[in-house]
Each structure stands twice: as C-alpha cells, then as structure tokens.
Amino acid sequence: VQLVESGGGLVQPGGSLRLSCVASGFSFSTYLMSWYRQAPGKERELVASITSGGRNTNYADSVKGRFTISRDNAKNTVYLQMNSLKPEDTAVYYCRNIFGHWGQGTQVTVSS
C-alpha cells in the first residue's frame, strides 16, 4: 500500500491550496478515505473524510465551510481543497485509508 500526498506549500492568510493523495496497493474505490493534520506540538487530528462513492463527507468544525474533500476513483486520488486559509491551518497534512496506512505527509504553512 502506498499513499503519496502533494500540493502543500507556503501561502498567505486568505489564500488557497489543493492537496492530492494518490493511492495504490488496495481497492481505492471501495473504501472511505480521510485527511488528517498535525500541527507542531499538537496531536494528529481528523480534518475530513469521504465515503467510497463520494456521496457523504464529514469535516472538523474548524474547517467546515472552508475545506472541501473530494475523490476521483478513476485516478485513485483523494483531494482536499483548502480555501480562506488561516495561520492555525499550518500543519503537516496526511491522507489515511481505513486500514490505517498513512502517507508521508505534505507541509502546509499559512503565513504572511
């Protein structure tokens, strides 16, 4: 199993980023996928999740209305569109499958 995140970077407050996670080694289209994040000195937290077909999504209260999770099962990819970014969104963002596999993470830094 491999999960490879990309799309992180440095962005100013109010800006946007789109993260991608390409999955391999399991039947991606069958399972729920999630994005987590971990800020310095804090525990890893769930940001958003999406069911196998993409019909149902769930978000942490802190990102509702700003972040959107989506997936393309033909490309084995899950996305996280992040808008109106705040400094407190600064963290390493990880994707995770339901079997507990993690990607290597991608750094998102929101700073002026």
Protein backbone atom coordinates (compact mmCIF):
# COMPACT_ATOMS: atom_id res chain seq x y z
CA VAL A 1 0.00 0.00 0.00
CA GLN A 2 1.25 3.44 -0.88
CA LEU A 3 -0.27 6.86 -0.25
CA VAL A 4 1.54 9.85 -1.72
CA GLU A 5 0.47 13.37 -0.82
CA SER A 6 1.38 16.51 -2.73
CA GLY A 7 0.30 20.11 -3.12
CA GLY A 8 1.45 21.66 0.12
CA GLY A 9 3.41 24.87 0.38
CA LEU A 10 3.59 28.36 1.78
CA VAL A 11 0.51 30.53 1.33
CA GLN A 12 -0.67 33.85 2.74
CA PRO A 13 -3.67 34.06 5.03
CA GLY A 14 -6.84 34.00 2.97
CA GLY A 15 -5.19 32.01 0.22
CA SER A 16 -5.97 28.57 -1.18
CA LEU A 17 -4.23 25.27 -1.74
CA ARG A 18 -5.32 21.95 -3.22
CA LEU A 19 -3.80 18.82 -1.78
CA SER A 20 -3.77 15.49 -3.61
CA CYS A 21 -3.21 11.96 -2.38
CA VAL A 22 -2.58 9.20 -4.90
CA ALA A 23 -3.24 5.71 -3.58
CA SER A 24 -2.06 2.31 -4.73
CA GLY A 25 -1.95 -1.24 -3.48
CA PHE A 26 -5.56 -1.60 -2.40
CA SER A 27 -9.02 -1.27 -3.87
CA PHE A 28 -9.22 2.50 -3.52
CA SER A 29 -12.74 2.94 -4.87
CA THR A 30 -14.18 0.59 -2.27
CA TYR A 31 -13.16 2.41 0.87
CA LEU A 32 -13.56 5.58 2.84
CA MET A 33 -10.58 7.96 2.75
CA SER A 34 -9.57 10.68 5.18
CA TRP A 35 -7.31 13.68 5.57
CA TYR A 36 -5.62 14.38 8.89
CA ARG A 37 -3.25 17.10 10.02
CA GLN A 38 -0.69 17.55 12.75
CA ALA A 39 0.50 20.94 13.89
CA PRO A 40 3.74 21.38 15.85
CA GLY A 41 3.29 20.26 19.44
CA LYS A 42 -0.23 19.01 18.85
CA GLU A 43 -1.85 15.65 18.29
CA ARG A 44 -2.83 14.49 14.82
CA GLU A 45 -6.46 15.38 14.13
CA LEU A 46 -9.08 14.36 11.60
CA VAL A 47 -9.78 17.10 9.06
CA ALA A 48 -12.21 15.47 6.63
CA SER A 49 -13.39 12.13 5.35
CA ILE A 50 -15.26 10.91 2.29
CA THR A 51 -17.12 7.68 1.61
CA SER A 52 -16.19 5.31 -1.18
CA GLY A 53 -18.51 6.78 -3.79
CA GLY A 54 -18.01 10.34 -2.66
CA ARG A 55 -21.61 10.87 -1.66
CA ASN A 56 -21.01 11.52 2.01
CA THR A 57 -18.39 13.75 3.59
CA ASN A 58 -17.51 14.79 7.10
CA TYR A 59 -15.48 17.76 8.34
CA ALA A 60 -13.89 19.01 11.52
CA ASP A 61 -15.74 22.04 12.85
CA SER A 62 -12.62 24.14 12.42
CA VAL A 63 -12.59 23.69 8.62
CA LYS A 64 -16.31 23.49 7.75
CA GLY A 65 -17.22 25.90 5.01
CA ARG A 66 -13.57 26.41 4.02
CA PHE A 67 -12.27 22.96 3.05
CA THR A 68 -13.75 20.50 0.57
CA ILE A 69 -12.79 16.85 0.29
CA SER A 70 -13.38 15.03 -2.99
CA ARG A 71 -12.16 11.96 -4.84
CA ASP A 72 -11.63 10.63 -8.33
CA ASN A 73 -11.85 6.85 -8.18
CA ALA A 74 -10.68 6.52 -11.78
CA LYS A 75 -7.41 8.17 -10.72
CA ASN A 76 -7.18 6.58 -7.26
CA THR A 77 -6.87 10.08 -5.87
CA VAL A 78 -8.41 11.98 -3.00
CA TYR A 79 -8.24 15.76 -2.85
CA LEU A 80 -8.51 18.45 -0.20
CA GLN A 81 -9.38 21.91 -1.48
CA MET A 82 -8.48 24.43 1.19
CA ASN A 83 -9.79 27.99 0.91
CA SER A 84 -9.67 31.00 3.22
CA LEU A 85 -6.61 29.56 4.90
CA LYS A 86 -5.66 30.75 8.36
CA PRO A 87 -2.35 30.63 10.23
CA GLU A 88 -3.86 28.00 12.52
CA ASP A 89 -4.21 25.69 9.49
CA THR A 90 -0.43 25.37 9.43
CA ALA A 91 0.38 21.67 9.80
CA VAL A 92 1.60 18.58 8.05
CA TYR A 93 -1.36 17.09 6.20
CA TYR A 94 -1.70 13.33 5.78
CA CYS A 95 -4.10 11.09 3.95
CA ARG A 96 -5.17 7.81 5.51
CA ASN A 97 -7.14 4.77 4.46
CA ILE A 98 -9.38 2.73 6.74
CA PHE A 99 -6.67 0.12 7.19
CA GLY A 100 -4.51 2.64 8.99
CA HIS A 101 -2.00 3.30 6.26
CA TRP A 102 -0.59 6.81 6.13
CA GLY A 103 1.18 8.86 3.53
CA GLN A 104 4.40 10.71 4.21
CA GLY A 105 2.58 14.00 4.62
CA THR A 106 2.78 17.38 2.93
CA GLN A 107 3.60 20.60 4.77
CA VAL A 108 1.13 23.47 4.65
CA THR A 109 2.32 26.78 6.06
CA VAL A 110 -0.01 29.77 6.25
CA SER A 111 1.91 32.93 6.97
CA SER A 112 2.31 36.48 5.74
